[in-house]
Amino acid sequence: MGVEAFVELKNVSLTYGGAGDLVLKGLDLDVGRGEFAAVVGPSGCGKSTLMKLVSGLMQAYEGEIIVAGQRVTGPLKIVGMAFQNPTLLPWRSTLDNILTQVASY
């Protein structure tokens, strides 16, 4: 008997822009509670996009994403993400940017 999935992606696809540039197509993935998963690939292959989808920061145009038994329909409060480049307030430290978000709750 396998580990129950904590993160489930079912036939997830995403396109960008008016031209419909395909970023992800038909992705299926299960990550069990307590499991560790690494997404590895060259720059521009969709790693960060995948993380944005799982965290609810982006919406897939096709498929279903489930985290902790709930369908992802918007940003998740149980997920944190540190981007490769500063995206909030570049003049603040990482800690100050995090605390800015914590203060909003």
N, C-alpha and C. Protein backbone atom coordinates (compact mmCIF):
# COMPACT_ATOMS: atom_id res chain seq x y z
N MET A 1 0.84 -1.17 0.00
CA MET A 1 0.00 0.00 0.00
C MET A 1 0.89 1.24 0.00
N GLY A 2 0.65 2.19 -0.93
CA GLY A 2 1.47 3.38 -1.08
C GLY A 2 1.08 4.48 -0.11
N VAL A 3 1.87 5.52 -0.12
CA VAL A 3 1.62 6.69 0.71
C VAL A 3 0.50 7.52 0.07
N GLU A 4 -0.44 8.00 0.89
CA GLU A 4 -1.52 8.84 0.38
C GLU A 4 -0.94 10.15 -0.15
N ALA A 5 -1.41 10.56 -1.33
CA ALA A 5 -0.89 11.77 -1.96
C ALA A 5 -1.27 13.01 -1.16
N PHE A 6 -0.29 13.88 -0.94
CA PHE A 6 -0.54 15.18 -0.32
C PHE A 6 -0.69 16.25 -1.41
N VAL A 7 0.10 16.09 -2.47
CA VAL A 7 0.01 16.95 -3.65
C VAL A 7 -0.32 16.06 -4.83
N GLU A 8 -1.38 16.40 -5.55
CA GLU A 8 -1.79 15.63 -6.73
C GLU A 8 -1.96 16.58 -7.91
N LEU A 9 -1.34 16.23 -9.01
CA LEU A 9 -1.56 16.94 -10.27
C LEU A 9 -2.13 15.93 -11.24
N LYS A 10 -3.25 16.27 -11.84
CA LYS A 10 -3.94 15.36 -12.74
C LYS A 10 -4.14 16.03 -14.09
N ASN A 11 -3.38 15.57 -15.09
CA ASN A 11 -3.51 16.05 -16.47
C ASN A 11 -3.41 17.58 -16.55
N VAL A 12 -2.43 18.15 -15.84
CA VAL A 12 -2.28 19.61 -15.77
C VAL A 12 -1.56 20.13 -17.02
N SER A 13 -2.16 21.13 -17.63
CA SER A 13 -1.57 21.79 -18.79
C SER A 13 -1.68 23.30 -18.61
N LEU A 14 -0.73 24.02 -19.21
CA LEU A 14 -0.71 25.48 -19.12
C LEU A 14 -0.11 26.05 -20.39
N THR A 15 -0.73 27.11 -20.90
CA THR A 15 -0.16 27.87 -22.01
C THR A 15 0.00 29.31 -21.58
N TYR A 16 0.93 30.01 -22.22
CA TYR A 16 1.17 31.43 -21.96
C TYR A 16 0.83 32.25 -23.20
N GLY A 17 0.37 33.44 -22.97
CA GLY A 17 0.21 34.42 -24.03
C GLY A 17 -0.86 34.11 -25.05
N GLY A 18 -1.10 35.09 -25.91
CA GLY A 18 -2.12 34.96 -26.94
C GLY A 18 -1.80 33.89 -27.96
N ALA A 19 -0.51 33.62 -28.17
CA ALA A 19 -0.11 32.59 -29.13
C ALA A 19 -0.30 31.19 -28.55
N GLY A 20 -0.57 31.11 -27.26
CA GLY A 20 -0.78 29.81 -26.63
C GLY A 20 0.48 28.97 -26.54
N ASP A 21 1.60 29.61 -26.18
CA ASP A 21 2.85 28.87 -26.03
C ASP A 21 2.70 27.83 -24.93
N LEU A 22 2.87 26.57 -25.29
CA LEU A 22 2.69 25.46 -24.36
C LEU A 22 3.84 25.43 -23.35
N VAL A 23 3.50 25.44 -22.07
CA VAL A 23 4.50 25.39 -21.00
C VAL A 23 4.50 24.01 -20.35
N LEU A 24 3.33 23.52 -20.00
CA LEU A 24 3.17 22.18 -19.42
C LEU A 24 2.03 21.48 -20.16
N LYS A 25 2.17 20.18 -20.37
CA LYS A 25 1.12 19.44 -21.06
C LYS A 25 0.89 18.09 -20.40
N GLY A 26 -0.33 17.87 -19.94
CA GLY A 26 -0.75 16.57 -19.43
C GLY A 26 0.08 16.04 -18.27
N LEU A 27 0.50 16.93 -17.37
CA LEU A 27 1.37 16.52 -16.26
C LEU A 27 0.57 15.81 -15.18
N ASP A 28 1.02 14.62 -14.81
CA ASP A 28 0.46 13.85 -13.70
C ASP A 28 1.57 13.64 -12.68
N LEU A 29 1.28 13.92 -11.41
CA LEU A 29 2.29 13.78 -10.36
C LEU A 29 1.59 13.62 -9.03
N ASP A 30 2.07 12.69 -8.22
CA ASP A 30 1.61 12.52 -6.84
C ASP A 30 2.82 12.60 -5.92
N VAL A 31 2.73 13.41 -4.89
CA VAL A 31 3.76 13.49 -3.86
C VAL A 31 3.08 13.20 -2.54
N GLY A 32 3.54 12.16 -1.85
CA GLY A 32 2.93 11.76 -0.59
C GLY A 32 3.33 12.64 0.57
N ARG A 33 2.51 12.64 1.59
CA ARG A 33 2.82 13.39 2.82
C ARG A 33 4.15 12.86 3.36
N GLY A 34 5.07 13.76 3.64
CA GLY A 34 6.37 13.38 4.18
C GLY A 34 7.39 13.01 3.13
N GLU A 35 6.99 12.90 1.87
CA GLU A 35 7.94 12.60 0.80
C GLU A 35 8.65 13.88 0.38
N PHE A 36 9.82 13.69 -0.21
CA PHE A 36 10.61 14.80 -0.75
C PHE A 36 10.67 14.63 -2.25
N ALA A 37 10.37 15.68 -2.98
CA ALA A 37 10.43 15.63 -4.44
C ALA A 37 11.30 16.78 -4.93
N ALA A 38 12.10 16.52 -5.95
CA ALA A 38 12.92 17.55 -6.58
C ALA A 38 12.50 17.70 -8.03
N VAL A 39 12.36 18.94 -8.46
CA VAL A 39 12.06 19.23 -9.86
C VAL A 39 13.33 19.83 -10.44
N VAL A 40 13.92 19.13 -11.39
CA VAL A 40 15.22 19.51 -11.94
C VAL A 40 15.09 19.70 -13.44
N GLY A 41 15.73 20.73 -13.96
CA GLY A 41 15.72 20.95 -15.40
C GLY A 41 16.41 22.26 -15.74
N PRO A 42 16.63 22.49 -17.03
CA PRO A 42 17.31 23.71 -17.45
C PRO A 42 16.42 24.94 -17.26
N SER A 43 17.05 26.09 -17.32
CA SER A 43 16.33 27.35 -17.21
C SER A 43 15.23 27.43 -18.26
N GLY A 44 14.05 27.85 -17.81
CA GLY A 44 12.95 28.03 -18.74
C GLY A 44 12.12 26.80 -19.04
N CYS A 45 12.36 25.70 -18.33
CA CYS A 45 11.63 24.46 -18.65
C CYS A 45 10.30 24.35 -17.90
N GLY A 46 10.01 25.27 -16.96
CA GLY A 46 8.72 25.24 -16.27
C GLY A 46 8.76 24.89 -14.80
N LYS A 47 9.94 24.82 -14.20
CA LYS A 47 10.05 24.46 -12.77
C LYS A 47 9.32 25.47 -11.88
N SER A 48 9.62 26.74 -12.04
CA SER A 48 8.97 27.77 -11.22
C SER A 48 7.49 27.87 -11.54
N THR A 49 7.15 27.69 -12.79
CA THR A 49 5.73 27.70 -13.19
C THR A 49 4.98 26.59 -12.48
N LEU A 50 5.58 25.41 -12.41
CA LEU A 50 4.96 24.29 -11.71
C LEU A 50 4.73 24.63 -10.25
N MET A 51 5.71 25.24 -9.60
CA MET A 51 5.57 25.61 -8.20
C MET A 51 4.48 26.67 -8.01
N LYS A 52 4.37 27.60 -8.95
CA LYS A 52 3.31 28.62 -8.88
C LYS A 52 1.93 27.98 -9.02
N LEU A 53 1.83 26.97 -9.86
CA LEU A 53 0.56 26.26 -10.02
C LEU A 53 0.18 25.53 -8.74
N VAL A 54 1.13 24.80 -8.16
CA VAL A 54 0.86 24.02 -6.95
C VAL A 54 0.51 24.93 -5.78
N SER A 55 1.15 26.09 -5.70
CA SER A 55 0.89 27.02 -4.59
C SER A 55 -0.36 27.87 -4.81
N GLY A 56 -0.95 27.80 -5.99
CA GLY A 56 -2.15 28.56 -6.28
C GLY A 56 -1.90 29.97 -6.77
N LEU A 57 -0.65 30.30 -7.07
CA LEU A 57 -0.34 31.64 -7.57
C LEU A 57 -0.68 31.79 -9.05
N MET A 58 -0.84 30.66 -9.74
CA MET A 58 -1.27 30.63 -11.14
C MET A 58 -2.33 29.55 -11.27
N GLN A 59 -3.16 29.67 -12.29
CA GLN A 59 -4.19 28.67 -12.56
C GLN A 59 -3.86 27.92 -13.85
N ALA A 60 -3.98 26.61 -13.83
CA ALA A 60 -3.80 25.80 -15.03
C ALA A 60 -5.01 25.99 -15.93
N TYR A 61 -4.82 25.87 -17.24
CA TYR A 61 -5.97 25.98 -18.12
C TYR A 61 -6.65 24.64 -18.29
N GLU A 62 -5.98 23.59 -17.86
CA GLU A 62 -6.56 22.25 -17.96
C GLU A 62 -6.03 21.39 -16.82
N GLY A 63 -6.84 20.48 -16.34
CA GLY A 63 -6.42 19.55 -15.30
C GLY A 63 -6.83 20.01 -13.91
N GLU A 64 -6.34 19.27 -12.93
CA GLU A 64 -6.73 19.51 -11.55
C GLU A 64 -5.51 19.40 -10.65
N ILE A 65 -5.42 20.31 -9.68
CA ILE A 65 -4.35 20.29 -8.68
C ILE A 65 -5.01 20.22 -7.31
N ILE A 66 -4.58 19.24 -6.51
CA ILE A 66 -5.13 19.04 -5.18
C ILE A 66 -3.98 19.05 -4.18
N VAL A 67 -4.12 19.84 -3.12
CA VAL A 67 -3.13 19.89 -2.05
C VAL A 67 -3.87 19.67 -0.73
N ALA A 68 -3.40 18.73 0.05
CA ALA A 68 -4.00 18.42 1.36
C ALA A 68 -5.49 18.11 1.22
N GLY A 69 -5.86 17.43 0.14
CA GLY A 69 -7.23 17.01 -0.06
C GLY A 69 -8.17 18.07 -0.60
N GLN A 70 -7.64 19.28 -0.86
CA GLN A 70 -8.47 20.38 -1.35
C GLN A 70 -8.02 20.82 -2.74
N ARG A 71 -8.99 21.03 -3.63
CA ARG A 71 -8.67 21.51 -4.97
C ARG A 71 -8.09 22.92 -4.87
N VAL A 72 -7.00 23.17 -5.58
CA VAL A 72 -6.35 24.48 -5.56
C VAL A 72 -7.10 25.41 -6.52
N THR A 73 -7.67 26.48 -5.95
CA THR A 73 -8.41 27.45 -6.75
C THR A 73 -7.87 28.87 -6.57
N GLY A 74 -6.88 29.03 -5.70
CA GLY A 74 -6.27 30.33 -5.44
C GLY A 74 -5.08 30.13 -4.52
N PRO A 75 -4.41 31.21 -4.12
CA PRO A 75 -3.23 31.09 -3.26
C PRO A 75 -3.52 30.32 -1.98
N LEU A 76 -2.61 29.42 -1.63
CA LEU A 76 -2.76 28.59 -0.43
C LEU A 76 -2.04 29.22 0.75
N LYS A 77 -2.70 29.24 1.90
CA LYS A 77 -2.08 29.79 3.11
C LYS A 77 -1.06 28.82 3.72
N ILE A 78 -1.13 27.54 3.35
CA ILE A 78 -0.21 26.55 3.94
C ILE A 78 1.07 26.42 3.14
N VAL A 79 1.23 27.21 2.09
CA VAL A 79 2.39 27.09 1.21
C VAL A 79 3.19 28.39 1.25
N GLY A 80 4.50 28.25 1.33
CA GLY A 80 5.39 29.40 1.20
C GLY A 80 6.32 29.17 0.03
N MET A 81 6.71 30.24 -0.63
CA MET A 81 7.58 30.09 -1.80
C MET A 81 8.57 31.24 -1.81
N ALA A 82 9.86 30.91 -1.93
CA ALA A 82 10.90 31.91 -2.07
C ALA A 82 11.32 31.91 -3.54
N PHE A 83 11.11 33.02 -4.22
CA PHE A 83 11.42 33.11 -5.64
C PHE A 83 12.91 33.28 -5.86
N GLN A 84 13.35 32.96 -7.08
CA GLN A 84 14.76 33.08 -7.42
C GLN A 84 15.22 34.53 -7.40
N ASN A 85 14.35 35.42 -7.82
CA ASN A 85 14.64 36.84 -7.84
C ASN A 85 13.70 37.55 -6.88
N PRO A 86 14.16 38.65 -6.27
CA PRO A 86 13.26 39.36 -5.37
C PRO A 86 12.05 39.88 -6.14
N THR A 87 10.86 39.57 -5.65
CA THR A 87 9.66 39.98 -6.37
C THR A 87 8.76 40.89 -5.53
N LEU A 88 9.07 41.07 -4.28
CA LEU A 88 8.23 41.94 -3.46
C LEU A 88 8.85 43.33 -3.37
N LEU A 89 9.67 43.53 -2.40
CA LEU A 89 10.30 44.82 -2.17
C LEU A 89 11.81 44.63 -2.21
N PRO A 90 12.44 44.92 -3.35
CA PRO A 90 13.86 44.59 -3.53
C PRO A 90 14.79 45.29 -2.54
N TRP A 91 14.36 46.39 -1.93
CA TRP A 91 15.21 47.09 -0.98
C TRP A 91 15.16 46.47 0.41
N ARG A 92 14.26 45.49 0.62
CA ARG A 92 14.16 44.82 1.91
C ARG A 92 14.87 43.48 1.87
N SER A 93 15.28 43.02 3.04
CA SER A 93 15.89 41.69 3.14
C SER A 93 14.81 40.62 2.95
N THR A 94 15.23 39.39 2.77
CA THR A 94 14.28 38.28 2.64
C THR A 94 13.39 38.21 3.88
N LEU A 95 14.00 38.31 5.05
CA LEU A 95 13.23 38.26 6.30
C LEU A 95 12.19 39.38 6.36
N ASP A 96 12.60 40.60 6.01
CA ASP A 96 11.65 41.72 6.04
C ASP A 96 10.51 41.51 5.05
N ASN A 97 10.79 40.95 3.88
CA ASN A 97 9.73 40.66 2.92
C ASN A 97 8.76 39.62 3.47
N ILE A 98 9.28 38.61 4.14
CA ILE A 98 8.43 37.58 4.74
C ILE A 98 7.57 38.19 5.84
N LEU A 99 8.19 39.00 6.69
CA LEU A 99 7.45 39.61 7.79
C LEU A 99 6.38 40.57 7.28
N THR A 100 6.61 41.20 6.14
CA THR A 100 5.59 42.06 5.53
C THR A 100 4.34 41.24 5.24
N GLN A 101 4.51 40.04 4.73
CA GLN A 101 3.38 39.17 4.42
C GLN A 101 2.72 38.64 5.69
N VAL A 102 3.53 38.29 6.68
CA VAL A 102 2.98 37.79 7.95
C VAL A 102 2.13 38.87 8.60
N ALA A 103 2.58 40.11 8.54
CA ALA A 103 1.85 41.22 9.16
C ALA A 103 0.49 41.44 8.50
N SER A 104 0.33 41.00 7.25
CA SER A 104 -0.95 41.20 6.56
C SER A 104 -2.02 40.23 7.02
N TYR A 105 -1.64 39.20 7.78
CA TYR A 105 -2.62 38.25 8.30
C TYR A 105 -2.98 38.68 9.67
